[in-house]
Protein backbone atom coordinates (compact mmCIF):
# COMPACT_ATOMS: atom_id res chain seq x y z
CA GLN A 1 8.44 17.98 -5.84
CA VAL A 2 7.28 14.82 -4.08
CA GLN A 3 7.12 11.75 -6.32
CA LEU A 4 5.74 8.30 -5.48
CA VAL A 5 6.47 5.35 -7.78
CA GLU A 6 4.44 2.15 -7.35
CA SER A 7 5.24 -1.27 -8.78
CA GLY A 8 4.37 -4.95 -8.37
CA GLY A 9 0.74 -5.14 -9.45
CA GLY A 10 -0.57 -7.67 -11.95
CA LEU A 11 -2.72 -10.74 -12.56
CA VAL A 12 -2.54 -13.69 -10.17
CA GLN A 13 -4.62 -16.82 -9.54
CA PRO A 14 -6.57 -17.30 -6.29
CA GLY A 15 -4.22 -18.45 -3.55
CA GLY A 16 -1.24 -16.77 -5.20
CA SER A 17 1.00 -13.95 -3.97
CA LEU A 18 2.14 -10.49 -5.04
CA ARG A 19 4.47 -7.91 -3.51
CA LEU A 20 3.78 -4.21 -4.01
CA SER A 21 6.42 -1.50 -3.60
CA CYS A 22 6.17 2.28 -3.32
CA ALA A 23 9.27 4.48 -3.34
CA ALA A 24 9.11 8.19 -2.45
CA SER A 25 11.51 10.95 -3.47
CA GLY A 26 11.66 14.69 -2.85
CA THR A 27 10.28 14.27 0.69
CA PHE A 28 11.97 17.02 2.69
CA PHE A 29 9.89 16.34 5.78
CA THR A 30 9.62 13.55 8.33
CA ILE A 31 7.33 10.77 7.08
CA THR A 32 5.31 9.63 10.08
CA THR A 33 3.04 7.05 8.44
CA MET A 34 3.11 4.95 5.27
CA GLY A 35 0.16 2.90 4.10
CA TRP A 36 -1.84 1.17 1.41
CA PHE A 37 -5.44 1.75 0.34
CA ARG A 38 -7.52 0.03 -2.33
CA GLN A 39 -10.56 0.86 -4.42
CA ALA A 40 -12.77 -1.47 -6.47
CA PRO A 41 -15.27 -0.20 -9.08
CA GLY A 42 -18.34 1.32 -7.42
CA ARG A 43 -16.77 1.24 -3.96
CA GLN A 44 -15.03 3.78 -1.74
CA ARG A 45 -11.29 3.84 -1.18
CA ASP A 46 -10.62 1.70 1.91
CA LEU A 47 -7.62 1.34 4.19
CA VAL A 48 -5.65 -1.89 3.78
CA ALA A 49 -2.67 -1.43 6.10
CA THR A 50 -0.51 1.28 7.70
CA ILE A 51 2.89 1.39 9.39
CA THR A 52 4.55 4.12 11.49
CA ARG A 53 8.22 5.09 11.69
CA SER A 54 8.55 3.03 14.85
CA GLY A 55 7.11 -0.05 13.14
CA SER A 56 3.60 -0.10 14.60
CA THR A 57 1.19 -1.72 12.11
CA ASN A 58 -2.56 -1.68 11.52
CA TYR A 59 -4.56 -3.93 9.16
CA ALA A 60 -8.09 -4.11 7.84
CA ASP A 61 -9.89 -7.16 9.23
CA SER A 62 -10.33 -8.56 5.72
CA VAL A 63 -6.56 -8.91 5.17
CA LYS A 64 -5.27 -9.86 8.63
CA GLY A 65 -3.14 -12.99 8.52
CA ARG A 66 -2.68 -12.74 4.75
CA PHE A 67 -1.02 -9.35 4.09
CA THR A 68 2.14 -7.91 5.65
CA ILE A 69 3.22 -4.27 5.46
CA SER A 70 6.86 -3.26 5.93
CA ARG A 71 9.06 -0.25 5.29
CA ASP A 72 12.62 0.96 4.87
CA ASN A 73 12.81 4.42 6.44
CA ALA A 74 16.25 5.16 4.98
CA LYS A 75 14.94 4.53 1.46
CA ASN A 76 11.48 6.07 2.04
CA THR A 77 9.95 2.88 0.68
CA VAL A 78 6.89 0.91 1.80
CA TYR A 79 6.00 -2.66 0.78
CA LEU A 80 2.88 -4.81 0.88
CA GLN A 81 3.34 -8.60 0.76
CA MET A 82 0.02 -10.17 -0.26
CA ASN A 83 -0.44 -13.92 0.24
CA SER A 84 -3.43 -16.25 -0.15
CA LEU A 85 -5.05 -13.77 -2.52
CA LYS A 86 -8.80 -13.95 -3.11
CA PRO A 87 -10.94 -12.62 -5.99
CA GLU A 88 -12.39 -10.02 -3.61
CA ASP A 89 -8.89 -8.53 -3.26
CA THR A 90 -9.16 -7.31 -6.87
CA ALA A 91 -8.81 -3.51 -6.86
CA VAL A 92 -6.55 -0.60 -7.66
CA TYR A 93 -4.03 -0.26 -4.82
CA TYR A 94 -2.70 3.16 -3.81
CA CYS A 95 0.23 3.94 -1.53
CA ASN A 96 -0.05 6.87 0.88
CA LEU A 97 2.57 8.89 2.79
CA ARG A 98 1.81 11.33 5.63
CA GLY A 99 3.84 13.75 7.74
CA LEU A 100 3.19 15.37 11.10
CA GLN A 101 1.24 18.25 9.54
CA SER A 102 -1.97 17.52 7.63
CA LYS A 103 -0.65 19.25 4.50
CA TYR A 104 1.94 16.47 4.11
CA ASN A 105 -0.35 13.86 2.54
CA TYR A 106 0.62 12.26 -0.78
CA TRP A 107 -0.70 9.45 -2.98
CA GLY A 108 0.82 7.13 -5.56
CA GLN A 109 -0.63 6.73 -9.05
CA GLY A 110 -2.26 3.38 -8.24
CA THR A 111 -1.48 -0.14 -9.44
CA GLN A 112 -4.02 -2.75 -10.59
CA VAL A 113 -4.22 -6.08 -8.76
CA THR A 114 -6.45 -8.71 -10.37
CA VAL A 115 -7.10 -12.08 -8.73
CA SER A 116 -8.79 -14.48 -11.15
CA SER A 117 -8.54 -18.01 -12.47
């Protein structure tokens, strides 16, 4: 059974920082891509950042220069360092893991990030 455990969410003031973590277990397949998505009330779930096994990264325009995604392949863990946070970053953040085949697609439980003064 694949399990994803997220941590690191919370309340932070504008301009502050948070670091999200997502650790996977029970993954008896090659993880090709790890990523983060977010969803605010009344909005669709949008891509924030992704990273491949080789280290290639992709970011949404709204977070470029502020967020950094990284991973530890040996530990099946993905991180999201969030700096210079803005109120519009407030959302539930979900980690996502994918394999070569489309059936290997798993989601974390979500963690709340609130940016407010």
